[in-house]
Amino acid sequence: MSNLTITELSDATFAEEIEQHPGVAVVDFWAGWCGPCRMVAPTVEELAAEYAGTIKVAKLDIDANGETPRRFGIRSIPTLLFFRNGKVIDTVVGALPKAVLDQRFRAAADGQ
């Protein structure tokens, strides 16, 4: 991926990159065959750029990494999990409009 503002995760790197990250992180659980995932990806990339330095944004391919989605009970994709200091603080399921996602990003960044 050419977008330097998004970290590619795996089951092996998830704990270090997200659960040990001080501050806010958002993980996009997706798969290549998922149409709604492809629809929301550009929005997530835009928000990653807009919130760079404030929110760490990462993606996890559920087909290549089954352990982490199971651990967090991911049943539908796309799912965005919002973390603060390694704990889940918000969940968004589905390809929502940018305005809605921006509101969730802003709330996470503001500590709400």
N, C-alpha and C. Protein backbone atom coordinates (compact mmCIF):
# COMPACT_ATOMS: atom_id res chain seq x y z
N MET A 1 0.84 -1.19 0.00
CA MET A 1 0.00 0.00 0.00
C MET A 1 0.89 1.24 0.00
N SER A 2 0.56 2.19 -0.82
CA SER A 2 1.38 3.38 -0.93
C SER A 2 1.05 4.42 0.14
N ASN A 3 -0.07 4.25 0.83
CA ASN A 3 -0.46 5.22 1.84
C ASN A 3 0.38 5.02 3.09
N LEU A 4 1.26 5.98 3.37
CA LEU A 4 2.16 5.85 4.51
C LEU A 4 1.50 6.16 5.84
N THR A 5 0.25 6.66 5.81
CA THR A 5 -0.43 7.00 7.05
C THR A 5 -1.20 5.82 7.62
N ILE A 6 -1.20 4.68 6.92
CA ILE A 6 -1.92 3.49 7.40
C ILE A 6 -0.93 2.35 7.61
N THR A 7 -1.00 1.75 8.79
CA THR A 7 -0.14 0.63 9.14
C THR A 7 -0.83 -0.68 8.77
N GLU A 8 -0.13 -1.55 8.06
CA GLU A 8 -0.66 -2.89 7.76
C GLU A 8 -0.38 -3.80 8.95
N LEU A 9 -1.42 -4.42 9.48
CA LEU A 9 -1.28 -5.28 10.65
C LEU A 9 -1.37 -6.75 10.29
N SER A 10 -0.87 -7.56 11.21
CA SER A 10 -1.06 -9.01 11.15
C SER A 10 -1.38 -9.47 12.57
N ASP A 11 -1.78 -10.73 12.69
CA ASP A 11 -2.01 -11.28 14.03
C ASP A 11 -0.76 -11.12 14.89
N ALA A 12 0.40 -11.28 14.26
CA ALA A 12 1.68 -11.23 14.99
C ALA A 12 2.03 -9.82 15.46
N THR A 13 1.60 -8.79 14.73
CA THR A 13 1.98 -7.41 15.09
C THR A 13 0.89 -6.64 15.82
N PHE A 14 -0.30 -7.21 15.92
CA PHE A 14 -1.45 -6.48 16.47
C PHE A 14 -1.21 -5.97 17.89
N ALA A 15 -0.76 -6.84 18.78
CA ALA A 15 -0.57 -6.43 20.18
C ALA A 15 0.41 -5.27 20.30
N GLU A 16 1.55 -5.39 19.60
CA GLU A 16 2.57 -4.35 19.69
C GLU A 16 2.09 -3.04 19.06
N GLU A 17 1.48 -3.13 17.88
CA GLU A 17 1.09 -1.93 17.13
C GLU A 17 -0.15 -1.24 17.70
N ILE A 18 -1.09 -2.01 18.25
CA ILE A 18 -2.37 -1.42 18.68
C ILE A 18 -2.57 -1.48 20.19
N GLU A 19 -2.46 -2.68 20.75
CA GLU A 19 -2.76 -2.82 22.18
C GLU A 19 -1.71 -2.18 23.08
N GLN A 20 -0.50 -1.98 22.57
CA GLN A 20 0.54 -1.30 23.35
C GLN A 20 0.74 0.15 22.90
N HIS A 21 -0.12 0.61 21.98
CA HIS A 21 0.00 1.98 21.46
C HIS A 21 -0.57 2.97 22.47
N PRO A 22 0.23 3.95 22.89
CA PRO A 22 -0.31 4.98 23.79
C PRO A 22 -1.13 5.98 22.98
N GLY A 23 -2.37 6.15 23.33
CA GLY A 23 -3.23 7.08 22.61
C GLY A 23 -4.29 6.35 21.82
N VAL A 24 -4.78 7.02 20.78
CA VAL A 24 -5.91 6.51 20.00
C VAL A 24 -5.42 5.81 18.73
N ALA A 25 -6.02 4.65 18.46
CA ALA A 25 -5.75 3.91 17.23
C ALA A 25 -7.07 3.41 16.67
N VAL A 26 -7.17 3.34 15.35
CA VAL A 26 -8.35 2.81 14.68
C VAL A 26 -7.88 1.68 13.78
N VAL A 27 -8.56 0.54 13.87
CA VAL A 27 -8.22 -0.61 13.03
C VAL A 27 -9.39 -0.92 12.10
N ASP A 28 -9.10 -0.97 10.81
CA ASP A 28 -10.08 -1.32 9.78
C ASP A 28 -9.92 -2.81 9.48
N PHE A 29 -10.92 -3.60 9.88
CA PHE A 29 -10.94 -5.03 9.57
C PHE A 29 -11.62 -5.17 8.21
N TRP A 30 -10.92 -5.78 7.24
CA TRP A 30 -11.39 -5.82 5.86
C TRP A 30 -10.96 -7.11 5.17
N ALA A 31 -11.43 -7.29 3.93
CA ALA A 31 -10.99 -8.40 3.07
C ALA A 31 -11.09 -7.92 1.63
N GLY A 32 -10.25 -8.47 0.78
CA GLY A 32 -10.20 -8.07 -0.62
C GLY A 32 -11.48 -8.33 -1.40
N TRP A 33 -12.23 -9.35 -1.02
CA TRP A 33 -13.46 -9.70 -1.73
C TRP A 33 -14.66 -8.88 -1.27
N CYS A 34 -14.49 -8.04 -0.26
CA CYS A 34 -15.59 -7.31 0.38
C CYS A 34 -15.84 -5.97 -0.32
N GLY A 35 -16.96 -5.88 -1.06
CA GLY A 35 -17.30 -4.64 -1.77
C GLY A 35 -17.41 -3.43 -0.85
N PRO A 36 -18.18 -3.52 0.25
CA PRO A 36 -18.28 -2.37 1.17
C PRO A 36 -16.92 -1.98 1.75
N CYS A 37 -16.01 -2.95 1.94
CA CYS A 37 -14.66 -2.63 2.43
C CYS A 37 -13.94 -1.76 1.42
N ARG A 38 -14.07 -2.11 0.13
CA ARG A 38 -13.42 -1.32 -0.92
C ARG A 38 -14.05 0.07 -1.02
N MET A 39 -15.36 0.16 -0.73
CA MET A 39 -16.04 1.45 -0.78
C MET A 39 -15.56 2.38 0.33
N VAL A 40 -15.33 1.85 1.53
CA VAL A 40 -14.98 2.69 2.67
C VAL A 40 -13.47 2.96 2.74
N ALA A 41 -12.66 2.15 2.06
CA ALA A 41 -11.20 2.29 2.14
C ALA A 41 -10.69 3.70 1.80
N PRO A 42 -11.16 4.33 0.72
CA PRO A 42 -10.66 5.68 0.42
C PRO A 42 -11.00 6.69 1.53
N THR A 43 -12.17 6.53 2.14
CA THR A 43 -12.57 7.41 3.24
C THR A 43 -11.66 7.21 4.44
N VAL A 44 -11.36 5.95 4.76
CA VAL A 44 -10.47 5.66 5.88
C VAL A 44 -9.09 6.24 5.59
N GLU A 45 -8.63 6.14 4.34
CA GLU A 45 -7.32 6.69 3.98
C GLU A 45 -7.31 8.22 4.12
N GLU A 46 -8.40 8.88 3.71
CA GLU A 46 -8.50 10.34 3.86
C GLU A 46 -8.45 10.73 5.33
N LEU A 47 -9.22 10.01 6.15
CA LEU A 47 -9.25 10.33 7.58
C LEU A 47 -7.90 10.04 8.24
N ALA A 48 -7.22 8.99 7.79
CA ALA A 48 -5.89 8.69 8.33
C ALA A 48 -4.95 9.86 8.06
N ALA A 49 -5.03 10.44 6.87
CA ALA A 49 -4.19 11.58 6.54
C ALA A 49 -4.59 12.81 7.35
N GLU A 50 -5.89 13.03 7.49
CA GLU A 50 -6.38 14.20 8.23
C GLU A 50 -6.04 14.14 9.72
N TYR A 51 -6.03 12.93 10.28
CA TYR A 51 -5.78 12.77 11.71
C TYR A 51 -4.36 12.27 12.00
N ALA A 52 -3.48 12.31 11.00
CA ALA A 52 -2.09 11.88 11.18
C ALA A 52 -1.47 12.66 12.33
N GLY A 53 -0.78 11.94 13.21
CA GLY A 53 -0.17 12.58 14.36
C GLY A 53 -1.08 12.61 15.57
N THR A 54 -2.38 12.36 15.35
CA THR A 54 -3.36 12.35 16.43
C THR A 54 -3.92 10.95 16.65
N ILE A 55 -4.26 10.28 15.53
CA ILE A 55 -4.83 8.94 15.58
C ILE A 55 -4.02 8.03 14.67
N LYS A 56 -3.61 6.89 15.21
CA LYS A 56 -2.92 5.87 14.40
C LYS A 56 -4.00 5.05 13.70
N VAL A 57 -3.89 4.92 12.39
CA VAL A 57 -4.86 4.16 11.61
C VAL A 57 -4.16 2.94 11.02
N ALA A 58 -4.83 1.78 11.15
CA ALA A 58 -4.25 0.53 10.68
C ALA A 58 -5.33 -0.32 10.01
N LYS A 59 -4.87 -1.28 9.18
CA LYS A 59 -5.78 -2.21 8.51
C LYS A 59 -5.34 -3.64 8.82
N LEU A 60 -6.34 -4.53 8.94
CA LEU A 60 -6.05 -5.93 9.15
C LEU A 60 -6.90 -6.76 8.20
N ASP A 61 -6.24 -7.50 7.31
CA ASP A 61 -6.92 -8.37 6.35
C ASP A 61 -7.38 -9.62 7.10
N ILE A 62 -8.71 -9.79 7.22
CA ILE A 62 -9.23 -10.90 8.02
C ILE A 62 -8.99 -12.27 7.37
N ASP A 63 -8.80 -12.30 6.05
CA ASP A 63 -8.53 -13.58 5.39
C ASP A 63 -7.13 -14.09 5.71
N ALA A 64 -6.17 -13.17 5.81
CA ALA A 64 -4.79 -13.55 6.09
C ALA A 64 -4.52 -13.67 7.59
N ASN A 65 -5.42 -13.12 8.41
CA ASN A 65 -5.22 -13.07 9.86
C ASN A 65 -6.53 -13.38 10.57
N GLY A 66 -6.72 -14.62 10.96
CA GLY A 66 -7.98 -15.03 11.56
C GLY A 66 -8.07 -14.89 13.07
N GLU A 67 -6.94 -14.91 13.74
CA GLU A 67 -6.93 -14.92 15.20
C GLU A 67 -7.47 -13.62 15.80
N THR A 68 -7.00 -12.49 15.31
CA THR A 68 -7.39 -11.19 15.88
C THR A 68 -8.88 -10.90 15.68
N PRO A 69 -9.44 -11.09 14.48
CA PRO A 69 -10.89 -10.86 14.33
C PRO A 69 -11.71 -11.76 15.27
N ARG A 70 -11.28 -13.00 15.44
CA ARG A 70 -11.99 -13.91 16.36
C ARG A 70 -11.94 -13.37 17.79
N ARG A 71 -10.76 -12.91 18.19
CA ARG A 71 -10.56 -12.42 19.55
C ARG A 71 -11.47 -11.23 19.86
N PHE A 72 -11.72 -10.39 18.83
CA PHE A 72 -12.54 -9.20 19.04
C PHE A 72 -13.99 -9.39 18.58
N GLY A 73 -14.35 -10.61 18.20
CA GLY A 73 -15.73 -10.90 17.83
C GLY A 73 -16.20 -10.22 16.56
N ILE A 74 -15.30 -10.04 15.60
CA ILE A 74 -15.66 -9.41 14.33
C ILE A 74 -16.50 -10.40 13.53
N ARG A 75 -17.76 -10.02 13.25
CA ARG A 75 -18.67 -10.89 12.51
C ARG A 75 -19.06 -10.33 11.14
N SER A 76 -18.91 -9.03 10.97
CA SER A 76 -19.23 -8.38 9.70
C SER A 76 -18.08 -7.44 9.35
N ILE A 77 -17.86 -7.27 8.05
CA ILE A 77 -16.85 -6.31 7.62
C ILE A 77 -17.47 -5.40 6.56
N PRO A 78 -17.01 -4.18 6.44
CA PRO A 78 -15.93 -3.60 7.23
C PRO A 78 -16.36 -3.29 8.66
N THR A 79 -15.43 -3.49 9.58
CA THR A 79 -15.61 -3.07 10.97
C THR A 79 -14.40 -2.22 11.34
N LEU A 80 -14.67 -1.07 11.95
CA LEU A 80 -13.61 -0.23 12.49
C LEU A 80 -13.69 -0.31 14.00
N LEU A 81 -12.58 -0.70 14.62
CA LEU A 81 -12.49 -0.68 16.08
C LEU A 81 -11.62 0.50 16.48
N PHE A 82 -12.11 1.28 17.43
CA PHE A 82 -11.38 2.43 17.95
C PHE A 82 -10.81 2.04 19.30
N PHE A 83 -9.52 2.26 19.47
CA PHE A 83 -8.82 1.91 20.71
C PHE A 83 -8.26 3.16 21.37
N ARG A 84 -8.27 3.20 22.68
CA ARG A 84 -7.53 4.23 23.42
C ARG A 84 -6.68 3.48 24.43
N ASN A 85 -5.37 3.67 24.35
CA ASN A 85 -4.42 3.00 25.24
C ASN A 85 -4.66 1.49 25.28
N GLY A 86 -4.93 0.91 24.10
CA GLY A 86 -5.06 -0.54 23.98
C GLY A 86 -6.42 -1.12 24.30
N LYS A 87 -7.39 -0.29 24.67
CA LYS A 87 -8.74 -0.77 25.01
C LYS A 87 -9.75 -0.26 23.98
N VAL A 88 -10.69 -1.13 23.59
CA VAL A 88 -11.71 -0.74 22.62
C VAL A 88 -12.63 0.30 23.24
N ILE A 89 -12.81 1.44 22.53
CA ILE A 89 -13.69 2.49 23.03
C ILE A 89 -14.89 2.74 22.10
N ASP A 90 -14.84 2.23 20.86
CA ASP A 90 -15.93 2.44 19.92
C ASP A 90 -15.83 1.41 18.81
N THR A 91 -16.97 1.11 18.19
CA THR A 91 -17.03 0.17 17.08
C THR A 91 -17.95 0.73 16.01
N VAL A 92 -17.53 0.65 14.76
CA VAL A 92 -18.36 1.06 13.63
C VAL A 92 -18.39 -0.12 12.66
N VAL A 93 -19.61 -0.56 12.29
CA VAL A 93 -19.75 -1.66 11.35
C VAL A 93 -20.45 -1.14 10.10
N GLY A 94 -19.87 -1.46 8.95
CA GLY A 94 -20.48 -1.07 7.68
C GLY A 94 -19.75 0.09 7.03
N ALA A 95 -20.10 0.32 5.77
CA ALA A 95 -19.50 1.40 4.99
C ALA A 95 -20.34 2.66 5.20
N LEU A 96 -19.97 3.45 6.19
CA LEU A 96 -20.72 4.65 6.52
C LEU A 96 -20.15 5.87 5.80
N PRO A 97 -20.96 6.93 5.65
CA PRO A 97 -20.47 8.14 4.98
C PRO A 97 -19.31 8.78 5.74
N LYS A 98 -18.51 9.55 5.01
CA LYS A 98 -17.33 10.17 5.62
C LYS A 98 -17.71 11.06 6.80
N ALA A 99 -18.82 11.80 6.69
CA ALA A 99 -19.22 12.71 7.78
C ALA A 99 -19.45 11.94 9.08
N VAL A 100 -20.04 10.76 8.98
CA VAL A 100 -20.30 9.94 10.17
C VAL A 100 -18.99 9.41 10.75
N LEU A 101 -18.12 8.92 9.87
CA LEU A 101 -16.83 8.40 10.34
C LEU A 101 -15.97 9.52 10.93
N ASP A 102 -16.00 10.69 10.30
CA ASP A 102 -15.24 11.82 10.81
C ASP A 102 -15.70 12.19 12.22
N GLN A 103 -16.99 12.14 12.46
CA GLN A 103 -17.53 12.42 13.79
C GLN A 103 -16.98 11.44 14.82
N ARG A 104 -16.90 10.15 14.46
CA ARG A 104 -16.38 9.13 15.37
C ARG A 104 -14.89 9.33 15.60
N PHE A 105 -14.15 9.66 14.54
CA PHE A 105 -12.72 9.94 14.68
C PHE A 105 -12.52 11.14 15.61
N ARG A 106 -13.30 12.20 15.38
CA ARG A 106 -13.16 13.41 16.19
C ARG A 106 -13.47 13.11 17.66
N ALA A 107 -14.53 12.36 17.92
CA ALA A 107 -14.88 12.01 19.29
C ALA A 107 -13.77 11.21 19.96
N ALA A 108 -13.18 10.26 19.23
CA ALA A 108 -12.07 9.47 19.78
C ALA A 108 -10.85 10.36 20.07
N ALA A 109 -10.56 11.27 19.13
CA ALA A 109 -9.42 12.16 19.30
C ALA A 109 -9.61 13.11 20.47
N ASP A 110 -10.86 13.52 20.70
CA ASP A 110 -11.19 14.46 21.77
C ASP A 110 -11.38 13.77 23.12
N GLY A 111 -11.30 12.44 23.12
CA GLY A 111 -11.44 11.71 24.37
C GLY A 111 -12.86 11.51 24.85
N GLN A 112 -13.82 11.54 23.94
CA GLN A 112 -15.23 11.37 24.32
C GLN A 112 -15.66 9.93 24.21
